[in-house]
Amino acid sequence: MKISVVIPAYNEQNGIEECIQSIFKNTILPHEIIICDGMSDDNTKQIAEKLGVIVLDNKKRIASAGRNLGIEHASGDVVAFTDGDCIADKNWLLEINKVFENDPELIGIGGKVIPAPPRNDIEDFWGNISLRVIMSFGDNSYDVKKRTLNDAFITANCAYTRKSLLEIGGFDDWFGNNAEDVDLSWRFLKSGAKLHYTPEVVIFARSPTTMKAVMKKSFRNGVSSSKLEKRHNGKIFAFDKNIHKLWWKNIFQMLLFKKEAKRNFLQISAHLCGKIIGSIRCRIINI
């Protein structure tokens, strides 16, 4: 089985070499690695070209378009996705290959995403929240049946047959950089496709190292929430009481000088702002 690896990238000069090298160090080699560069203004493209991988110009710049560009140019039977700030486990491709070969009916797989060793306490903070609280990755394999956030495949670590990606129309550019991967896996489930989660397929993901970057990520997650509500749940009004409880809880904890309260308050506030902006864009109320 030939596996093409597709990685959208934008200004990833600090991580792209480590990402590519981790794939080259896998126990089996990919058929090809395709970097879809979103017109970076740093050295991302030059570093990737120097390492001998395929580099394509993603003129639309958004991640969904970059991945679609990669799918179009891929020549493998399976397209595996990760991000430019991720590190592949040494058996990543071997395990992907094993799962697909063991089940000819399988359309796509999702794997476990683990926080990479943190470079500072902010990266540790966001890595835990994003990959252990907002989403969590279990230790048992299972066929995915439900369209929930926790069961969705994220493009830090997933793979689909190229044929199925072409048939479903790839990633939806309407989502852009906001939950385009969740939307894809949910569309596959709606179509009746067989999807499987396997914890042996492992990627280590970097996280932001500044609160500004954390808030930007959290804001995008809020926009993503509104887009998913609009497209998949068909609701005009959605209210997440749990996140509002957390927001007020952290205001109270800040008054008590609790250690993580300010960071939690800032990232939750950014998320709520994203929900509001997303609501305006999608013409719904999602708060």
C-alpha atoms as a PDB file:
ATOM      1  CA  MET A   1       0.000   0.000   0.000  1.00  0.00           C
ATOM      2  CA  LYS A   2       1.303   3.441  -0.964  1.00  0.00           C
ATOM      3  CA  ILE A   3       0.821   6.194   1.632  1.00  0.00           C
ATOM      4  CA  SER A   4       1.084   9.855   0.646  1.00  0.00           C
ATOM      5  CA  VAL A   5       1.602  12.283   3.530  1.00  0.00           C
ATOM      6  CA  VAL A   6       0.039  15.720   3.086  1.00  0.00           C
ATOM      7  CA  ILE A   7       1.033  18.622   5.341  1.00  0.00           C
ATOM      8  CA  PRO A   8      -0.384  22.140   4.951  1.00  0.00           C
ATOM      9  CA  ALA A   9       2.034  24.723   6.300  1.00  0.00           C
ATOM     10  CA  TYR A  10       2.230  28.445   6.877  1.00  0.00           C
ATOM     11  CA  ASN A  11       5.251  30.050   8.544  1.00  0.00           C
ATOM     12  CA  GLU A  12       6.356  26.779  10.139  1.00  0.00           C
ATOM     13  CA  GLN A  13      10.112  27.283   9.829  1.00  0.00           C
ATOM     14  CA  ASN A  14      10.622  26.413  13.499  1.00  0.00           C
ATOM     15  CA  GLY A  15       8.946  23.024  13.253  1.00  0.00           C
ATOM     16  CA  ILE A  16       8.751  21.834   9.670  1.00  0.00           C
ATOM     17  CA  GLU A  17      12.183  20.173   9.564  1.00  0.00           C
ATOM     18  CA  GLU A  18      11.550  18.194  12.748  1.00  0.00           C
ATOM     19  CA  CYS A  19       8.154  17.165  11.355  1.00  0.00           C
ATOM     20  CA  ILE A  20       9.521  15.955   8.007  1.00  0.00           C
ATOM     21  CA  GLN A  21      12.526  14.235   9.549  1.00  0.00           C
ATOM     22  CA  SER A  22      10.288  12.332  11.971  1.00  0.00           C
ATOM     23  CA  ILE A  23       8.390  10.911   8.984  1.00  0.00           C
ATOM     24  CA  PHE A  24      11.606   9.986   7.166  1.00  0.00           C
ATOM     25  CA  LYS A  25      12.716   8.157  10.339  1.00  0.00           C
ATOM     26  CA  ASN A  26       9.597   5.973  10.363  1.00  0.00           C
ATOM     27  CA  THR A  27       9.976   2.200  10.275  1.00  0.00           C
ATOM     28  CA  ILE A  28       8.432   2.269   6.791  1.00  0.00           C
ATOM     29  CA  LEU A  29       8.826   5.176   4.406  1.00  0.00           C
ATOM     30  CA  PRO A  30       5.951   7.108   2.837  1.00  0.00           C
ATOM     31  CA  HIS A  31       5.337   6.951  -0.876  1.00  0.00           C
ATOM     32  CA  GLU A  32       5.746  10.739  -0.862  1.00  0.00           C
ATOM     33  CA  ILE A  33       5.550  13.771   1.409  1.00  0.00           C
ATOM     34  CA  ILE A  34       3.664  16.769   0.036  1.00  0.00           C
ATOM     35  CA  ILE A  35       3.996  20.148   1.737  1.00  0.00           C
ATOM     36  CA  CYS A  36       1.266  22.585   0.701  1.00  0.00           C
ATOM     37  CA  ASP A  37       2.733  25.942   1.591  1.00  0.00           C
ATOM     38  CA  GLY A  38       0.266  28.776   2.217  1.00  0.00           C
ATOM     39  CA  MET A  39       2.600  31.417   0.749  1.00  0.00           C
ATOM     40  CA  SER A  40       4.786  31.561   3.875  1.00  0.00           C
ATOM     41  CA  ASP A  41       6.905  34.672   4.366  1.00  0.00           C
ATOM     42  CA  ASP A  42       9.522  32.814   6.397  1.00  0.00           C
ATOM     43  CA  ASN A  43      11.830  29.929   5.357  1.00  0.00           C
ATOM     44  CA  THR A  44       9.255  27.113   5.526  1.00  0.00           C
ATOM     45  CA  LYS A  45       9.270  26.466   1.790  1.00  0.00           C
ATOM     46  CA  GLN A  46      13.073  26.587   1.463  1.00  0.00           C
ATOM     47  CA  ILE A  47      13.575  24.161   4.373  1.00  0.00           C
ATOM     48  CA  ALA A  48      11.064  21.703   2.923  1.00  0.00           C
ATOM     49  CA  GLU A  49      12.590  21.879  -0.559  1.00  0.00           C
ATOM     50  CA  LYS A  50      16.059  21.286   0.876  1.00  0.00           C
ATOM     51  CA  LEU A  51      14.800  18.082   2.491  1.00  0.00           C
ATOM     52  CA  GLY A  52      13.696  16.762  -0.885  1.00  0.00           C
ATOM     53  CA  VAL A  53       9.926  16.619  -0.418  1.00  0.00           C
ATOM     54  CA  ILE A  54       7.269  17.825  -2.854  1.00  0.00           C
ATOM     55  CA  VAL A  55       6.361  21.464  -2.197  1.00  0.00           C
ATOM     56  CA  LEU A  56       3.218  23.010  -3.686  1.00  0.00           C
ATOM     57  CA  ASP A  57       2.047  26.629  -3.529  1.00  0.00           C
ATOM     58  CA  ASN A  58      -1.311  26.902  -1.783  1.00  0.00           C
ATOM     59  CA  LYS A  59      -2.406  30.250  -3.193  1.00  0.00           C
ATOM     60  CA  LYS A  60      -5.705  30.189  -1.307  1.00  0.00           C
ATOM     61  CA  ARG A  61      -3.606  30.036   1.897  1.00  0.00           C
ATOM     62  CA  ILE A  62      -6.282  28.332   4.030  1.00  0.00           C
ATOM     63  CA  ALA A  63      -5.660  24.850   5.447  1.00  0.00           C
ATOM     64  CA  SER A  64      -8.654  23.190   3.767  1.00  0.00           C
ATOM     65  CA  ALA A  65      -7.461  24.331   0.340  1.00  0.00           C
ATOM     66  CA  GLY A  66      -3.921  23.194   1.109  1.00  0.00           C
ATOM     67  CA  ARG A  67      -5.076  19.704   1.997  1.00  0.00           C
ATOM     68  CA  ASN A  68      -7.265  19.536  -1.122  1.00  0.00           C
ATOM     69  CA  LEU A  69      -4.274  20.561  -3.212  1.00  0.00           C
ATOM     70  CA  GLY A  70      -2.289  17.748  -1.628  1.00  0.00           C
ATOM     71  CA  ILE A  71      -5.059  15.220  -2.297  1.00  0.00           C
ATOM     72  CA  GLU A  72      -5.202  16.303  -5.937  1.00  0.00           C
ATOM     73  CA  HIS A  73      -1.459  15.784  -6.465  1.00  0.00           C
ATOM     74  CA  ALA A  74      -1.082  12.677  -4.283  1.00  0.00           C
ATOM     75  CA  SER A  75      -0.416   9.370  -6.036  1.00  0.00           C
ATOM     76  CA  GLY A  76      -0.755   7.057  -3.033  1.00  0.00           C
ATOM     77  CA  ASP A  77      -3.655   4.743  -2.216  1.00  0.00           C
ATOM     78  CA  VAL A  78      -4.013   6.384   1.204  1.00  0.00           C
ATOM     79  CA  VAL A  79      -3.510  10.027   2.157  1.00  0.00           C
ATOM     80  CA  ALA A  80      -2.257  10.581   5.706  1.00  0.00           C
ATOM     81  CA  PHE A  81      -2.518  14.040   7.230  1.00  0.00           C
ATOM     82  CA  THR A  82      -0.542  15.823   9.904  1.00  0.00           C
ATOM     83  CA  ASP A  83       0.513  19.406  10.653  1.00  0.00           C
ATOM     84  CA  GLY A  84       3.793  21.252  10.271  1.00  0.00           C
ATOM     85  CA  ASP A  85       4.256  21.582  14.032  1.00  0.00           C
ATOM     86  CA  CYS A  86       3.739  17.873  14.739  1.00  0.00           C
ATOM     87  CA  ILE A  87       6.168  14.978  15.264  1.00  0.00           C
ATOM     88  CA  ALA A  88       5.348  11.500  13.986  1.00  0.00           C
ATOM     89  CA  ASP A  89       5.897   8.441  16.132  1.00  0.00           C
ATOM     90  CA  LYS A  90       8.419   6.069  14.530  1.00  0.00           C
ATOM     91  CA  ASN A  91       5.661   3.508  13.795  1.00  0.00           C
ATOM     92  CA  TRP A  92       3.076   6.030  12.576  1.00  0.00           C
ATOM     93  CA  LEU A  93       3.031   4.891   8.940  1.00  0.00           C
ATOM     94  CA  LEU A  94       3.454   1.224   9.827  1.00  0.00           C
ATOM     95  CA  GLU A  95       0.362   1.299  12.023  1.00  0.00           C
ATOM     96  CA  ILE A  96      -1.663   3.204   9.412  1.00  0.00           C
ATOM     97  CA  ASN A  97      -0.691   0.626   6.805  1.00  0.00           C
ATOM     98  CA  LYS A  98      -1.544  -2.248   9.163  1.00  0.00           C
ATOM     99  CA  VAL A  99      -5.050  -0.981   9.962  1.00  0.00           C
ATOM    100  CA  PHE A 100      -6.005  -0.416   6.322  1.00  0.00           C
ATOM    101  CA  GLU A 101      -4.607  -3.762   5.172  1.00  0.00           C
ATOM    102  CA  ASN A 102      -6.516  -5.600   7.895  1.00  0.00           C
ATOM    103  CA  ASP A 103      -9.865  -4.131   6.817  1.00  0.00           C
ATOM    104  CA  PRO A 104     -10.489  -3.592   3.068  1.00  0.00           C
ATOM    105  CA  GLU A 105     -13.833  -1.891   3.823  1.00  0.00           C
ATOM    106  CA  LEU A 106     -12.191   0.849   5.877  1.00  0.00           C
ATOM    107  CA  ILE A 107     -12.422   4.407   4.515  1.00  0.00           C
ATOM    108  CA  GLY A 108     -10.586   6.383   7.186  1.00  0.00           C
ATOM    109  CA  ILE A 109      -8.751   6.173  10.481  1.00  0.00           C
ATOM    110  CA  GLY A 110      -7.990   8.571  13.292  1.00  0.00           C
ATOM    111  CA  GLY A 111      -5.140   8.198  15.736  1.00  0.00           C
ATOM    112  CA  LYS A 112      -3.993   9.382  19.129  1.00  0.00           C
ATOM    113  CA  VAL A 113      -2.600  12.920  19.455  1.00  0.00           C
ATOM    114  CA  ILE A 114      -0.299  13.415  22.443  1.00  0.00           C
ATOM    115  CA  PRO A 115       1.147  16.758  23.600  1.00  0.00           C
ATOM    116  CA  ALA A 116       4.827  17.004  22.678  1.00  0.00           C
ATOM    117  CA  PRO A 117       7.239  17.708  25.546  1.00  0.00           C
ATOM    118  CA  PRO A 118       6.425  21.331  26.462  1.00  0.00           C
ATOM    119  CA  ARG A 119       8.938  24.100  25.889  1.00  0.00           C
ATOM    120  CA  ASN A 120       7.405  26.280  28.615  1.00  0.00           C
ATOM    121  CA  ASP A 121       4.511  26.307  31.052  1.00  0.00           C
ATOM    122  CA  ILE A 122       2.105  27.956  28.600  1.00  0.00           C
ATOM    123  CA  GLU A 123       2.619  25.164  26.065  1.00  0.00           C
ATOM    124  CA  ASP A 124       2.034  22.653  28.858  1.00  0.00           C
ATOM    125  CA  PHE A 125      -1.153  24.539  29.848  1.00  0.00           C
ATOM    126  CA  TRP A 126      -2.659  24.595  26.339  1.00  0.00           C
ATOM    127  CA  GLY A 127      -1.490  21.097  25.413  1.00  0.00           C
ATOM    128  CA  ASN A 128      -3.377  19.685  28.386  1.00  0.00           C
ATOM    129  CA  ILE A 129      -6.530  21.700  27.698  1.00  0.00           C
ATOM    130  CA  SER A 130      -6.701  21.107  23.945  1.00  0.00           C
ATOM    131  CA  LEU A 131      -5.632  17.462  23.830  1.00  0.00           C
ATOM    132  CA  ARG A 132      -6.774  16.120  27.197  1.00  0.00           C
ATOM    133  CA  VAL A 133      -9.838  18.221  28.092  1.00  0.00           C
ATOM    134  CA  ILE A 134     -11.477  19.665  24.944  1.00  0.00           C
ATOM    135  CA  MET A 135     -10.595  16.480  23.068  1.00  0.00           C
ATOM    136  CA  SER A 136      -9.281  13.266  24.568  1.00  0.00           C
ATOM    137  CA  PHE A 137      -7.829  10.202  22.923  1.00  0.00           C
ATOM    138  CA  GLY A 138      -8.539   6.808  24.424  1.00  0.00           C
ATOM    139  CA  ASP A 139      -6.404   3.702  24.673  1.00  0.00           C
ATOM    140  CA  ASN A 140      -8.891   1.342  23.009  1.00  0.00           C
ATOM    141  CA  SER A 141      -9.605   1.000  19.303  1.00  0.00           C
ATOM    142  CA  TYR A 142     -13.201   1.178  18.051  1.00  0.00           C
ATOM    143  CA  ASP A 143     -15.325   1.792  14.962  1.00  0.00           C
ATOM    144  CA  VAL A 144     -16.552   5.385  15.014  1.00  0.00           C
ATOM    145  CA  LYS A 145     -20.344   5.648  14.855  1.00  0.00           C
ATOM    146  CA  LYS A 146     -21.255   8.961  16.519  1.00  0.00           C
ATOM    147  CA  ARG A 147     -20.883  12.492  15.218  1.00  0.00           C
ATOM    148  CA  THR A 148     -19.400  13.998  18.371  1.00  0.00           C
ATOM    149  CA  LEU A 149     -16.425  16.305  18.773  1.00  0.00           C
ATOM    150  CA  ASN A 150     -14.481  13.722  20.713  1.00  0.00           C
ATOM    151  CA  ASP A 151     -15.026  11.076  18.029  1.00  0.00           C
ATOM    152  CA  ALA A 152     -14.086  13.389  15.168  1.00  0.00           C
ATOM    153  CA  PHE A 153     -10.786  12.925  13.336  1.00  0.00           C
ATOM    154  CA  ILE A 154      -8.468  15.918  13.448  1.00  0.00           C
ATOM    155  CA  THR A 155      -5.919  16.431  10.710  1.00  0.00           C
ATOM    156  CA  ALA A 156      -3.003  16.419  13.106  1.00  0.00           C
ATOM    157  CA  ASN A 157      -3.408  12.648  12.823  1.00  0.00           C
ATOM    158  CA  CYS A 158      -5.766  10.938  10.413  1.00  0.00           C
ATOM    159  CA  ALA A 159      -5.734   9.094   7.090  1.00  0.00           C
ATOM    160  CA  TYR A 160      -8.287   8.310   4.391  1.00  0.00           C
ATOM    161  CA  THR A 161      -8.250   6.401   1.138  1.00  0.00           C
ATOM    162  CA  ARG A 162      -7.575   8.841  -1.675  1.00  0.00           C
ATOM    163  CA  LYS A 163     -10.487   7.443  -3.665  1.00  0.00           C
ATOM    164  CA  SER A 164     -12.943   8.216  -0.861  1.00  0.00           C
ATOM    165  CA  LEU A 165     -11.551  11.750  -0.444  1.00  0.00           C
ATOM    166  CA  LEU A 166     -12.108  12.466  -4.137  1.00  0.00           C
ATOM    167  CA  GLU A 167     -15.606  10.970  -4.068  1.00  0.00           C
ATOM    168  CA  ILE A 168     -16.749  13.069  -1.089  1.00  0.00           C
ATOM    169  CA  GLY A 169     -15.229  16.259  -2.520  1.00  0.00           C
ATOM    170  CA  GLY A 170     -12.373  16.677  -0.067  1.00  0.00           C
ATOM    171  CA  PHE A 171     -12.350  19.367   2.601  1.00  0.00           C
ATOM    172  CA  ASP A 172     -14.951  22.140   2.505  1.00  0.00           C
ATOM    173  CA  ASP A 173     -13.303  25.525   1.881  1.00  0.00           C
ATOM    174  CA  TRP A 174     -16.218  27.238   3.638  1.00  0.00           C
ATOM    175  CA  PHE A 175     -14.696  26.051   6.918  1.00  0.00           C
ATOM    176  CA  GLY A 176     -11.247  27.344   5.929  1.00  0.00           C
ATOM    177  CA  ASN A 177      -9.059  26.941   9.017  1.00  0.00           C
ATOM    178  CA  ASN A 178     -11.987  26.277  11.338  1.00  0.00           C
ATOM    179  CA  ALA A 179     -13.049  22.639  11.967  1.00  0.00           C
ATOM    180  CA  GLU A 180     -12.680  21.599   8.334  1.00  0.00           C
ATOM    181  CA  ASP A 181     -11.336  18.260   9.609  1.00  0.00           C
ATOM    182  CA  VAL A 182     -14.260  17.656  11.975  1.00  0.00           C
ATOM    183  CA  ASP A 183     -16.678  18.501   9.170  1.00  0.00           C
ATOM    184  CA  LEU A 184     -14.985  15.994   6.849  1.00  0.00           C
ATOM    185  CA  SER A 185     -15.188  13.098   9.300  1.00  0.00           C
ATOM    186  CA  TRP A 186     -18.829  13.906  10.087  1.00  0.00           C
ATOM    187  CA  ARG A 187     -19.675  14.013   6.374  1.00  0.00           C
ATOM    188  CA  PHE A 188     -18.055  10.610   5.953  1.00  0.00           C
ATOM    189  CA  LEU A 189     -20.163   9.233   8.816  1.00  0.00           C
ATOM    190  CA  LYS A 190     -23.317  10.683   7.264  1.00  0.00           C
ATOM    191  CA  SER A 191     -22.442   8.920   4.007  1.00  0.00           C
ATOM    192  CA  GLY A 192     -22.196   5.576   5.794  1.00  0.00           C
ATOM    193  CA  ALA A 193     -18.420   5.273   5.467  1.00  0.00           C
ATOM    194  CA  LYS A 194     -16.560   2.979   7.848  1.00  0.00           C
ATOM    195  CA  LEU A 195     -14.205   4.926  10.127  1.00  0.00           C
ATOM    196  CA  HIS A 196     -11.965   3.535  12.847  1.00  0.00           C
ATOM    197  CA  TYR A 197     -10.024   5.018  15.741  1.00  0.00           C
ATOM    198  CA  THR A 198      -6.773   3.294  16.639  1.00  0.00           C
ATOM    199  CA  PRO A 199      -4.523   4.466  19.503  1.00  0.00           C
ATOM    200  CA  GLU A 200      -1.449   2.795  18.008  1.00  0.00           C
ATOM    201  CA  VAL A 201      -1.336   5.512  15.324  1.00  0.00           C
ATOM    202  CA  VAL A 202       0.454   8.246  17.279  1.00  0.00           C
ATOM    203  CA  ILE A 203       1.412  11.866  16.613  1.00  0.00           C
ATOM    204  CA  PHE A 204       3.025  14.275  19.075  1.00  0.00           C
ATOM    205  CA  ALA A 205       1.669  17.810  18.683  1.00  0.00           C
ATOM    206  CA  ARG A 206       3.273  21.117  19.573  1.00  0.00           C
ATOM    207  CA  SER A 207       1.174  23.813  21.199  1.00  0.00           C
ATOM    208  CA  PRO A 208       1.448  27.617  21.392  1.00  0.00           C
ATOM    209  CA  THR A 209       4.080  28.989  23.751  1.00  0.00           C
ATOM    210  CA  THR A 210       2.504  32.438  24.341  1.00  0.00           C
ATOM    211  CA  MET A 211      -0.884  33.446  25.733  1.00  0.00           C
ATOM    212  CA  LYS A 212      -1.513  35.551  22.636  1.00  0.00           C
ATOM    213  CA  ALA A 213      -1.194  32.440  20.476  1.00  0.00           C
ATOM    214  CA  VAL A 214      -3.325  30.404  22.906  1.00  0.00           C
ATOM    215  CA  MET A 215      -6.092  33.008  22.712  1.00  0.00           C
ATOM    216  CA  LYS A 216      -5.894  32.993  18.918  1.00  0.00           C
ATOM    217  CA  LYS A 217      -6.317  29.200  18.904  1.00  0.00           C
ATOM    218  CA  SER A 218      -9.189  29.393  21.366  1.00  0.00           C
ATOM    219  CA  PHE A 219     -10.871  32.128  19.308  1.00  0.00           C
ATOM    220  CA  ARG A 220     -10.661  29.918  16.211  1.00  0.00           C
ATOM    221  CA  ASN A 221     -12.203  27.055  18.179  1.00  0.00           C
ATOM    222  CA  GLY A 222     -15.107  29.353  19.017  1.00  0.00           C
ATOM    223  CA  VAL A 223     -15.611  30.224  15.346  1.00  0.00           C
ATOM    224  CA  SER A 224     -15.398  26.509  14.546  1.00  0.00           C
ATOM    225  CA  SER A 225     -18.170  25.795  17.037  1.00  0.00           C
ATOM    226  CA  SER A 226     -20.522  28.213  15.282  1.00  0.00           C
ATOM    227  CA  LYS A 227     -19.714  26.829  11.848  1.00  0.00           C
ATOM    228  CA  LEU A 228     -20.356  23.257  12.968  1.00  0.00           C
ATOM    229  CA  GLU A 229     -23.647  24.276  14.598  1.00  0.00           C
ATOM    230  CA  LYS A 230     -24.721  25.974  11.373  1.00  0.00           C
ATOM    231  CA  ARG A 231     -23.729  23.181   9.014  1.00  0.00           C
ATOM    232  CA  HIS A 232     -24.414  20.015  10.985  1.00  0.00           C
ATOM    233  CA  ASN A 233     -26.899  20.687  13.780  1.00  0.00           C
ATOM    234  CA  GLY A 234     -29.175  23.110  11.982  1.00  0.00           C
ATOM    235  CA  LYS A 235     -29.785  25.131  15.117  1.00  0.00           C
ATOM    236  CA  ILE A 236     -30.625  28.828  15.102  1.00  0.00           C
ATOM    237  CA  PHE A 237     -29.853  29.095  18.819  1.00  0.00           C
ATOM    238  CA  ALA A 238     -27.305  27.129  20.857  1.00  0.00           C
ATOM    239  CA  PHE A 239     -26.203  27.850  24.408  1.00  0.00           C
ATOM    240  CA  ASP A 240     -23.300  26.063  26.099  1.00  0.00           C
ATOM    241  CA  LYS A 241     -24.016  26.444  29.808  1.00  0.00           C
ATOM    242  CA  ASN A 242     -20.870  24.549  30.817  1.00  0.00           C
ATOM    243  CA  ILE A 243     -18.457  27.016  29.261  1.00  0.00           C
ATOM    244  CA  HIS A 244     -20.300  29.936  30.867  1.00  0.00           C
ATOM    245  CA  LYS A 245     -20.088  28.201  34.254  1.00  0.00           C
ATOM    246  CA  LEU A 246     -16.332  27.794  33.753  1.00  0.00           C
ATOM    247  CA  TRP A 247     -16.011  31.457  32.777  1.00  0.00           C
ATOM    248  CA  TRP A 248     -17.698  32.663  35.973  1.00  0.00           C
ATOM    249  CA  LYS A 249     -15.837  30.082  38.064  1.00  0.00           C
ATOM    250  CA  ASN A 250     -12.498  31.434  36.866  1.00  0.00           C
ATOM    251  CA  ILE A 251     -13.535  35.031  37.561  1.00  0.00           C
ATOM    252  CA  PHE A 252     -14.188  33.974  41.159  1.00  0.00           C
ATOM    253  CA  GLN A 253     -10.898  32.032  41.317  1.00  0.00           C
ATOM    254  CA  MET A 254      -8.968  35.044  40.054  1.00  0.00           C
ATOM    255  CA  LEU A 255     -10.255  36.969  43.056  1.00  0.00           C
ATOM    256  CA  LEU A 256      -8.780  34.193  45.197  1.00  0.00           C
ATOM    257  CA  PHE A 257      -5.471  34.388  43.278  1.00  0.00           C
ATOM    258  CA  LYS A 258      -5.708  30.803  42.041  1.00  0.00           C
ATOM    259  CA  LYS A 259      -2.692  29.909  39.889  1.00  0.00           C
ATOM    260  CA  GLU A 260      -4.289  29.001  36.537  1.00  0.00           C
ATOM    261  CA  ALA A 261      -7.424  31.141  36.849  1.00  0.00           C
ATOM    262  CA  LYS A 262      -6.216  34.072  34.730  1.00  0.00           C
ATOM    263  CA  ARG A 263      -5.035  31.833  31.892  1.00  0.00           C
ATOM    264  CA  ASN A 264      -8.271  29.881  31.954  1.00  0.00           C
ATOM    265  CA  PHE A 265     -10.291  33.098  31.982  1.00  0.00           C
ATOM    266  CA  LEU A 266      -8.384  34.519  28.996  1.00  0.00           C
ATOM    267  CA  GLN A 267      -8.652  31.402  26.836  1.00  0.00           C
ATOM    268  CA  ILE A 268     -12.346  30.894  27.660  1.00  0.00           C
ATOM    269  CA  SER A 269     -13.058  34.572  26.920  1.00  0.00           C
ATOM    270  CA  ALA A 270     -11.315  34.233  23.567  1.00  0.00           C
ATOM    271  CA  HIS A 271     -13.399  31.134  22.823  1.00  0.00           C
ATOM    272  CA  LEU A 272     -16.642  32.954  23.648  1.00  0.00           C
ATOM    273  CA  CYS A 273     -15.593  35.873  21.429  1.00  0.00           C
ATOM    274  CA  GLY A 274     -14.987  33.385  18.624  1.00  0.00           C
ATOM    275  CA  LYS A 275     -18.462  31.967  19.127  1.00  0.00           C
ATOM    276  CA  ILE A 276     -19.964  35.452  18.831  1.00  0.00           C
ATOM    277  CA  ILE A 277     -17.998  36.361  15.696  1.00  0.00           C
ATOM    278  CA  GLY A 278     -18.807  32.947  14.239  1.00  0.00           C
ATOM    279  CA  SER A 279     -22.484  33.503  15.044  1.00  0.00           C
ATOM    280  CA  ILE A 280     -22.485  36.793  13.148  1.00  0.00           C
ATOM    281  CA  ARG A 281     -20.782  35.215  10.143  1.00  0.00           C
ATOM    282  CA  CYS A 282     -23.118  32.204  10.145  1.00  0.00           C
ATOM    283  CA  ARG A 283     -26.282  34.135  11.021  1.00  0.00           C
ATOM    284  CA  ILE A 284     -27.085  32.047  14.072  1.00  0.00           C
ATOM    285  CA  ILE A 285     -26.804  32.550  17.829  1.00  0.00           C
ATOM    286  CA  ASN A 286     -24.197  30.271  19.332  1.00  0.00           C
ATOM    287  CA  ILE A 287     -23.051  31.388  22.766  1.00  0.00           C
END
